[in-house]
Amino acid sequence: MVNYPTGFILKPQVDEFEALPEAEQLVMCMADIVGIVTVPHALIQNNGSYAYITKRIDHKISKDNVQLIAMEDFCQLDLRLTQDKYKGSYERCAKIVDKYSSRQGLDMTELYLRIVFHM
């Protein structure tokens, strides 16, 4: 979107899903309350409705440069093709955490919290 701050993602209201920005903000606030670390997020006024705005964590921005920060998800760590992204399981995610984490206990606890929160 034009004239919005670099380093943020703006999600305006769309006709297909009423109150989607408000719903996304609600879920992020709930995640904050239960202790899930989230990126900075907020609702902002946008032409008579709300838009959801969140800080990008995959860009490091300086005055002269935007540096992309590589971020991997479970699909990539499991060497799955993008089209197979949603064919995994929670068990598979736990095995990936066990394989790649240098702090398995803490990361398994975080995975469990996120799974329970998601349900």
N, C-alpha and C. Protein backbone atom coordinates (compact mmCIF):
# COMPACT_ATOMS: atom_id res chain seq x y z
N MET A 1 0.84 -1.17 0.00
CA MET A 1 0.00 0.00 0.00
C MET A 1 0.89 1.24 0.00
N VAL A 2 0.45 2.25 -0.66
CA VAL A 2 1.21 3.48 -0.80
C VAL A 2 1.05 4.36 0.44
N ASN A 3 2.12 5.04 0.82
CA ASN A 3 2.13 6.01 1.92
C ASN A 3 1.93 5.39 3.31
N TYR A 4 2.19 4.12 3.45
CA TYR A 4 2.18 3.50 4.77
C TYR A 4 3.61 3.21 5.16
N PRO A 5 3.90 3.16 6.44
CA PRO A 5 5.29 3.02 6.86
C PRO A 5 5.92 1.72 6.38
N THR A 6 7.15 1.83 5.89
CA THR A 6 7.91 0.64 5.53
C THR A 6 8.18 -0.14 6.80
N GLY A 7 8.19 -1.44 6.68
CA GLY A 7 8.46 -2.25 7.86
C GLY A 7 7.20 -2.73 8.56
N PHE A 8 6.05 -2.45 7.97
CA PHE A 8 4.78 -2.88 8.55
C PHE A 8 3.94 -3.58 7.48
N ILE A 9 3.04 -4.42 7.92
CA ILE A 9 2.06 -5.05 7.03
C ILE A 9 0.71 -4.48 7.42
N LEU A 10 -0.01 -3.94 6.46
CA LEU A 10 -1.33 -3.37 6.70
C LEU A 10 -2.37 -4.26 6.04
N LYS A 11 -3.37 -4.65 6.81
CA LYS A 11 -4.45 -5.50 6.31
C LYS A 11 -5.77 -4.76 6.48
N PRO A 12 -6.24 -4.09 5.43
CA PRO A 12 -7.50 -3.35 5.52
C PRO A 12 -8.70 -4.28 5.50
N GLN A 13 -9.86 -3.72 5.85
CA GLN A 13 -11.11 -4.47 5.79
C GLN A 13 -11.40 -4.86 4.34
N VAL A 14 -11.90 -6.06 4.13
CA VAL A 14 -12.31 -6.53 2.81
C VAL A 14 -13.78 -6.91 2.86
N ASP A 15 -14.44 -6.81 1.73
CA ASP A 15 -15.88 -7.08 1.67
C ASP A 15 -16.23 -8.53 2.00
N GLU A 16 -15.35 -9.46 1.65
CA GLU A 16 -15.67 -10.88 1.81
C GLU A 16 -15.78 -11.32 3.27
N PHE A 17 -15.05 -10.67 4.17
CA PHE A 17 -15.00 -11.11 5.57
C PHE A 17 -15.20 -9.92 6.49
N GLU A 18 -16.40 -9.79 7.02
CA GLU A 18 -16.72 -8.66 7.90
C GLU A 18 -15.87 -8.72 9.17
N ALA A 19 -15.32 -7.60 9.57
CA ALA A 19 -14.57 -7.43 10.81
C ALA A 19 -13.31 -8.30 10.89
N LEU A 20 -12.71 -8.61 9.76
CA LEU A 20 -11.49 -9.42 9.77
C LEU A 20 -10.33 -8.73 10.49
N PRO A 21 -10.09 -7.43 10.28
CA PRO A 21 -9.01 -6.78 11.03
C PRO A 21 -9.23 -6.85 12.55
N GLU A 22 -10.47 -6.64 12.98
CA GLU A 22 -10.78 -6.70 14.40
C GLU A 22 -10.56 -8.12 14.95
N ALA A 23 -10.92 -9.12 14.17
CA ALA A 23 -10.74 -10.51 14.60
C ALA A 23 -9.25 -10.85 14.72
N GLU A 24 -8.46 -10.39 13.77
CA GLU A 24 -7.03 -10.67 13.83
C GLU A 24 -6.40 -9.99 15.05
N GLN A 25 -6.80 -8.76 15.31
CA GLN A 25 -6.29 -8.05 16.49
C GLN A 25 -6.71 -8.75 17.78
N LEU A 26 -7.94 -9.22 17.84
CA LEU A 26 -8.43 -9.93 19.03
C LEU A 26 -7.59 -11.17 19.30
N VAL A 27 -7.35 -11.97 18.27
CA VAL A 27 -6.57 -13.20 18.45
C VAL A 27 -5.14 -12.87 18.89
N MET A 28 -4.55 -11.84 18.31
CA MET A 28 -3.19 -11.46 18.71
C MET A 28 -3.15 -10.98 20.16
N CYS A 29 -4.17 -10.24 20.58
CA CYS A 29 -4.24 -9.79 21.98
C CYS A 29 -4.41 -10.98 22.92
N MET A 30 -5.22 -11.96 22.52
CA MET A 30 -5.38 -13.17 23.32
C MET A 30 -4.06 -13.92 23.43
N ALA A 31 -3.32 -13.99 22.33
CA ALA A 31 -2.01 -14.65 22.36
C ALA A 31 -1.07 -13.93 23.32
N ASP A 32 -1.09 -12.60 23.29
CA ASP A 32 -0.28 -11.82 24.24
C ASP A 32 -0.63 -12.19 25.68
N ILE A 33 -1.92 -12.29 25.97
CA ILE A 33 -2.38 -12.55 27.34
C ILE A 33 -1.91 -13.91 27.85
N VAL A 34 -1.91 -14.93 26.98
CA VAL A 34 -1.50 -16.26 27.44
C VAL A 34 0.01 -16.46 27.39
N GLY A 35 0.74 -15.43 26.97
CA GLY A 35 2.20 -15.50 27.02
C GLY A 35 2.89 -15.90 25.74
N ILE A 36 2.17 -15.95 24.64
CA ILE A 36 2.80 -16.22 23.35
C ILE A 36 3.44 -14.92 22.86
N VAL A 37 4.70 -14.99 22.51
CA VAL A 37 5.40 -13.80 22.03
C VAL A 37 4.87 -13.45 20.64
N THR A 38 4.43 -12.22 20.47
CA THR A 38 3.91 -11.76 19.18
C THR A 38 4.69 -10.53 18.74
N VAL A 39 4.52 -10.19 17.48
CA VAL A 39 5.10 -8.95 16.96
C VAL A 39 4.18 -7.79 17.37
N PRO A 40 4.70 -6.57 17.39
CA PRO A 40 3.82 -5.42 17.67
C PRO A 40 2.66 -5.39 16.67
N HIS A 41 1.45 -5.09 17.18
CA HIS A 41 0.25 -5.12 16.34
C HIS A 41 -0.76 -4.12 16.87
N ALA A 42 -1.67 -3.68 16.00
CA ALA A 42 -2.68 -2.70 16.42
C ALA A 42 -3.77 -2.61 15.38
N LEU A 43 -4.87 -1.97 15.77
CA LEU A 43 -5.91 -1.56 14.82
C LEU A 43 -5.73 -0.08 14.57
N ILE A 44 -5.91 0.33 13.32
CA ILE A 44 -5.87 1.76 13.00
C ILE A 44 -7.11 2.11 12.19
N GLN A 45 -7.52 3.36 12.28
CA GLN A 45 -8.65 3.84 11.47
C GLN A 45 -8.21 3.90 10.01
N ASN A 46 -9.10 3.46 9.12
CA ASN A 46 -8.78 3.45 7.70
C ASN A 46 -10.05 3.71 6.90
N ASN A 47 -10.26 4.95 6.51
CA ASN A 47 -11.43 5.31 5.68
C ASN A 47 -12.75 4.86 6.29
N GLY A 48 -12.96 5.13 7.55
CA GLY A 48 -14.23 4.82 8.19
C GLY A 48 -14.35 3.41 8.72
N SER A 49 -13.34 2.59 8.55
CA SER A 49 -13.35 1.25 9.13
C SER A 49 -11.98 1.02 9.77
N TYR A 50 -11.74 -0.18 10.22
CA TYR A 50 -10.46 -0.49 10.83
C TYR A 50 -9.58 -1.27 9.88
N ALA A 51 -8.29 -1.14 10.08
CA ALA A 51 -7.29 -1.96 9.40
C ALA A 51 -6.37 -2.51 10.48
N TYR A 52 -5.88 -3.70 10.25
CA TYR A 52 -4.93 -4.33 11.17
C TYR A 52 -3.53 -4.00 10.67
N ILE A 53 -2.65 -3.61 11.57
CA ILE A 53 -1.27 -3.31 11.20
C ILE A 53 -0.34 -4.08 12.13
N THR A 54 0.71 -4.64 11.55
CA THR A 54 1.68 -5.41 12.33
C THR A 54 3.08 -5.14 11.82
N LYS A 55 4.03 -5.22 12.70
CA LYS A 55 5.42 -4.96 12.32
C LYS A 55 6.01 -6.16 11.60
N ARG A 56 6.73 -5.90 10.53
CA ARG A 56 7.45 -6.96 9.83
C ARG A 56 8.68 -7.33 10.64
N ILE A 57 8.93 -8.62 10.78
CA ILE A 57 10.14 -9.05 11.46
C ILE A 57 11.12 -9.70 10.48
N ASP A 58 10.72 -9.75 9.21
CA ASP A 58 11.59 -10.34 8.19
C ASP A 58 12.35 -9.29 7.39
N HIS A 59 12.31 -8.04 7.84
CA HIS A 59 13.05 -6.94 7.21
C HIS A 59 13.78 -6.16 8.29
N LYS A 60 15.04 -5.84 8.03
CA LYS A 60 15.79 -4.94 8.90
C LYS A 60 15.98 -3.66 8.10
N ILE A 61 15.41 -2.57 8.61
CA ILE A 61 15.36 -1.33 7.84
C ILE A 61 16.27 -0.29 8.45
N SER A 62 17.11 0.27 7.60
CA SER A 62 17.94 1.41 8.01
C SER A 62 17.61 2.56 7.06
N LYS A 63 18.24 3.69 7.25
CA LYS A 63 17.95 4.85 6.41
C LYS A 63 18.23 4.57 4.94
N ASP A 64 19.27 3.80 4.66
CA ASP A 64 19.71 3.59 3.28
C ASP A 64 19.43 2.21 2.72
N ASN A 65 18.91 1.30 3.54
CA ASN A 65 18.88 -0.08 3.10
C ASN A 65 17.73 -0.85 3.75
N VAL A 66 17.20 -1.82 3.02
CA VAL A 66 16.27 -2.79 3.57
C VAL A 66 16.91 -4.16 3.40
N GLN A 67 17.19 -4.81 4.52
CA GLN A 67 17.82 -6.12 4.49
C GLN A 67 16.77 -7.17 4.80
N LEU A 68 16.65 -8.17 3.93
CA LEU A 68 15.71 -9.26 4.17
C LEU A 68 16.34 -10.26 5.13
N ILE A 69 15.56 -10.70 6.10
CA ILE A 69 16.02 -11.68 7.08
C ILE A 69 15.35 -13.00 6.75
N ALA A 70 16.16 -14.02 6.52
CA ALA A 70 15.62 -15.34 6.17
C ALA A 70 14.84 -15.90 7.35
N MET A 71 13.64 -16.39 7.08
CA MET A 71 12.80 -17.00 8.10
C MET A 71 12.31 -18.33 7.54
N GLU A 72 12.48 -19.37 8.32
CA GLU A 72 12.04 -20.67 7.87
C GLU A 72 10.84 -21.13 8.69
N ASP A 73 9.93 -21.84 8.02
CA ASP A 73 8.78 -22.39 8.73
C ASP A 73 8.91 -23.91 8.77
N PHE A 74 7.95 -24.57 9.38
CA PHE A 74 8.01 -26.02 9.50
C PHE A 74 8.05 -26.70 8.14
N CYS A 75 7.36 -26.15 7.16
CA CYS A 75 7.35 -26.73 5.82
C CYS A 75 8.78 -26.78 5.26
N GLN A 76 9.49 -25.69 5.37
CA GLN A 76 10.85 -25.65 4.85
C GLN A 76 11.78 -26.56 5.65
N LEU A 77 11.65 -26.55 6.97
CA LEU A 77 12.51 -27.40 7.80
C LEU A 77 12.24 -28.88 7.57
N ASP A 78 11.03 -29.21 7.12
CA ASP A 78 10.66 -30.59 6.83
C ASP A 78 10.93 -30.95 5.36
N LEU A 79 11.53 -30.01 4.63
CA LEU A 79 11.86 -30.19 3.21
C LEU A 79 10.63 -30.52 2.36
N ARG A 80 9.50 -29.92 2.71
CA ARG A 80 8.26 -30.12 1.95
C ARG A 80 8.14 -29.06 0.87
N LEU A 81 7.46 -29.41 -0.19
CA LEU A 81 7.14 -28.43 -1.22
C LEU A 81 6.05 -27.50 -0.68
N THR A 82 6.02 -26.28 -1.21
CA THR A 82 5.04 -25.30 -0.74
C THR A 82 3.61 -25.82 -0.85
N GLN A 83 3.30 -26.54 -1.92
CA GLN A 83 1.93 -27.04 -2.08
C GLN A 83 1.56 -28.10 -1.04
N ASP A 84 2.56 -28.64 -0.34
CA ASP A 84 2.30 -29.63 0.71
C ASP A 84 2.38 -29.02 2.12
N LYS A 85 2.39 -27.69 2.17
CA LYS A 85 2.59 -26.98 3.44
C LYS A 85 1.61 -27.40 4.53
N TYR A 86 0.37 -27.66 4.19
CA TYR A 86 -0.64 -27.95 5.20
C TYR A 86 -0.94 -29.44 5.33
N LYS A 87 -0.04 -30.28 4.86
CA LYS A 87 -0.23 -31.73 4.95
C LYS A 87 0.55 -32.34 6.11
N GLY A 88 1.13 -31.51 6.95
CA GLY A 88 1.90 -32.00 8.08
C GLY A 88 1.02 -32.33 9.26
N SER A 89 1.64 -32.56 10.39
CA SER A 89 0.91 -32.87 11.62
C SER A 89 1.64 -32.21 12.79
N TYR A 90 0.95 -32.13 13.92
CA TYR A 90 1.60 -31.61 15.12
C TYR A 90 2.75 -32.53 15.54
N GLU A 91 2.55 -33.83 15.37
CA GLU A 91 3.62 -34.77 15.70
C GLU A 91 4.86 -34.50 14.86
N ARG A 92 4.65 -34.24 13.58
CA ARG A 92 5.78 -33.94 12.68
C ARG A 92 6.48 -32.65 13.14
N CYS A 93 5.71 -31.65 13.52
CA CYS A 93 6.30 -30.39 14.02
C CYS A 93 7.15 -30.66 15.25
N ALA A 94 6.67 -31.51 16.16
CA ALA A 94 7.44 -31.83 17.37
C ALA A 94 8.75 -32.52 17.01
N LYS A 95 8.72 -33.39 16.02
CA LYS A 95 9.95 -34.07 15.59
C LYS A 95 10.94 -33.07 14.99
N ILE A 96 10.42 -32.08 14.28
CA ILE A 96 11.28 -31.04 13.70
C ILE A 96 11.91 -30.20 14.81
N VAL A 97 11.11 -29.84 15.81
CA VAL A 97 11.65 -29.08 16.95
C VAL A 97 12.74 -29.91 17.63
N ASP A 98 12.48 -31.19 17.84
CA ASP A 98 13.47 -32.06 18.48
C ASP A 98 14.76 -32.13 17.67
N LYS A 99 14.63 -32.15 16.36
CA LYS A 99 15.80 -32.28 15.48
C LYS A 99 16.64 -31.00 15.44
N TYR A 100 16.00 -29.84 15.35
CA TYR A 100 16.72 -28.60 15.10
C TYR A 100 16.96 -27.71 16.32
N SER A 101 16.22 -27.91 17.38
CA SER A 101 16.31 -27.00 18.52
C SER A 101 17.54 -27.27 19.38
N SER A 102 18.13 -26.19 19.85
CA SER A 102 19.23 -26.32 20.81
C SER A 102 18.70 -26.24 22.24
N ARG A 103 17.40 -26.05 22.37
CA ARG A 103 16.74 -25.99 23.69
C ARG A 103 15.38 -26.68 23.59
N GLN A 104 15.45 -28.00 23.39
CA GLN A 104 14.25 -28.79 23.10
C GLN A 104 13.14 -28.61 24.12
N GLY A 105 13.46 -28.62 25.40
CA GLY A 105 12.42 -28.52 26.43
C GLY A 105 11.63 -27.23 26.32
N LEU A 106 12.33 -26.12 26.22
CA LEU A 106 11.64 -24.83 26.09
C LEU A 106 10.85 -24.73 24.80
N ASP A 107 11.45 -25.18 23.71
CA ASP A 107 10.77 -25.07 22.42
C ASP A 107 9.58 -26.03 22.31
N MET A 108 9.68 -27.21 22.92
CA MET A 108 8.53 -28.13 22.94
C MET A 108 7.39 -27.52 23.75
N THR A 109 7.73 -26.87 24.86
CA THR A 109 6.71 -26.21 25.67
C THR A 109 6.03 -25.11 24.87
N GLU A 110 6.81 -24.33 24.15
CA GLU A 110 6.25 -23.26 23.31
C GLU A 110 5.36 -23.84 22.20
N LEU A 111 5.81 -24.92 21.57
CA LEU A 111 4.99 -25.57 20.54
C LEU A 111 3.67 -26.05 21.13
N TYR A 112 3.72 -26.69 22.29
CA TYR A 112 2.50 -27.19 22.94
C TYR A 112 1.55 -26.04 23.26
N LEU A 113 2.08 -24.94 23.80
CA LEU A 113 1.24 -23.78 24.11
C LEU A 113 0.56 -23.26 22.85
N ARG A 114 1.30 -23.18 21.76
CA ARG A 114 0.72 -22.68 20.51
C ARG A 114 -0.33 -23.64 19.94
N ILE A 115 -0.09 -24.93 20.08
CA ILE A 115 -1.07 -25.91 19.60
C ILE A 115 -2.36 -25.79 20.40
N VAL A 116 -2.26 -25.74 21.73
CA VAL A 116 -3.45 -25.61 22.58
C VAL A 116 -4.17 -24.30 22.28
N PHE A 117 -3.43 -23.22 22.13
CA PHE A 117 -4.03 -21.92 21.82
C PHE A 117 -4.76 -21.97 20.48
N HIS A 118 -4.20 -22.65 19.52
CA HIS A 118 -4.76 -22.72 18.17
C HIS A 118 -6.08 -23.49 18.14
N MET A 119 -6.23 -24.43 19.07
CA MET A 119 -7.44 -25.26 19.07
C MET A 119 -8.58 -24.43 19.57
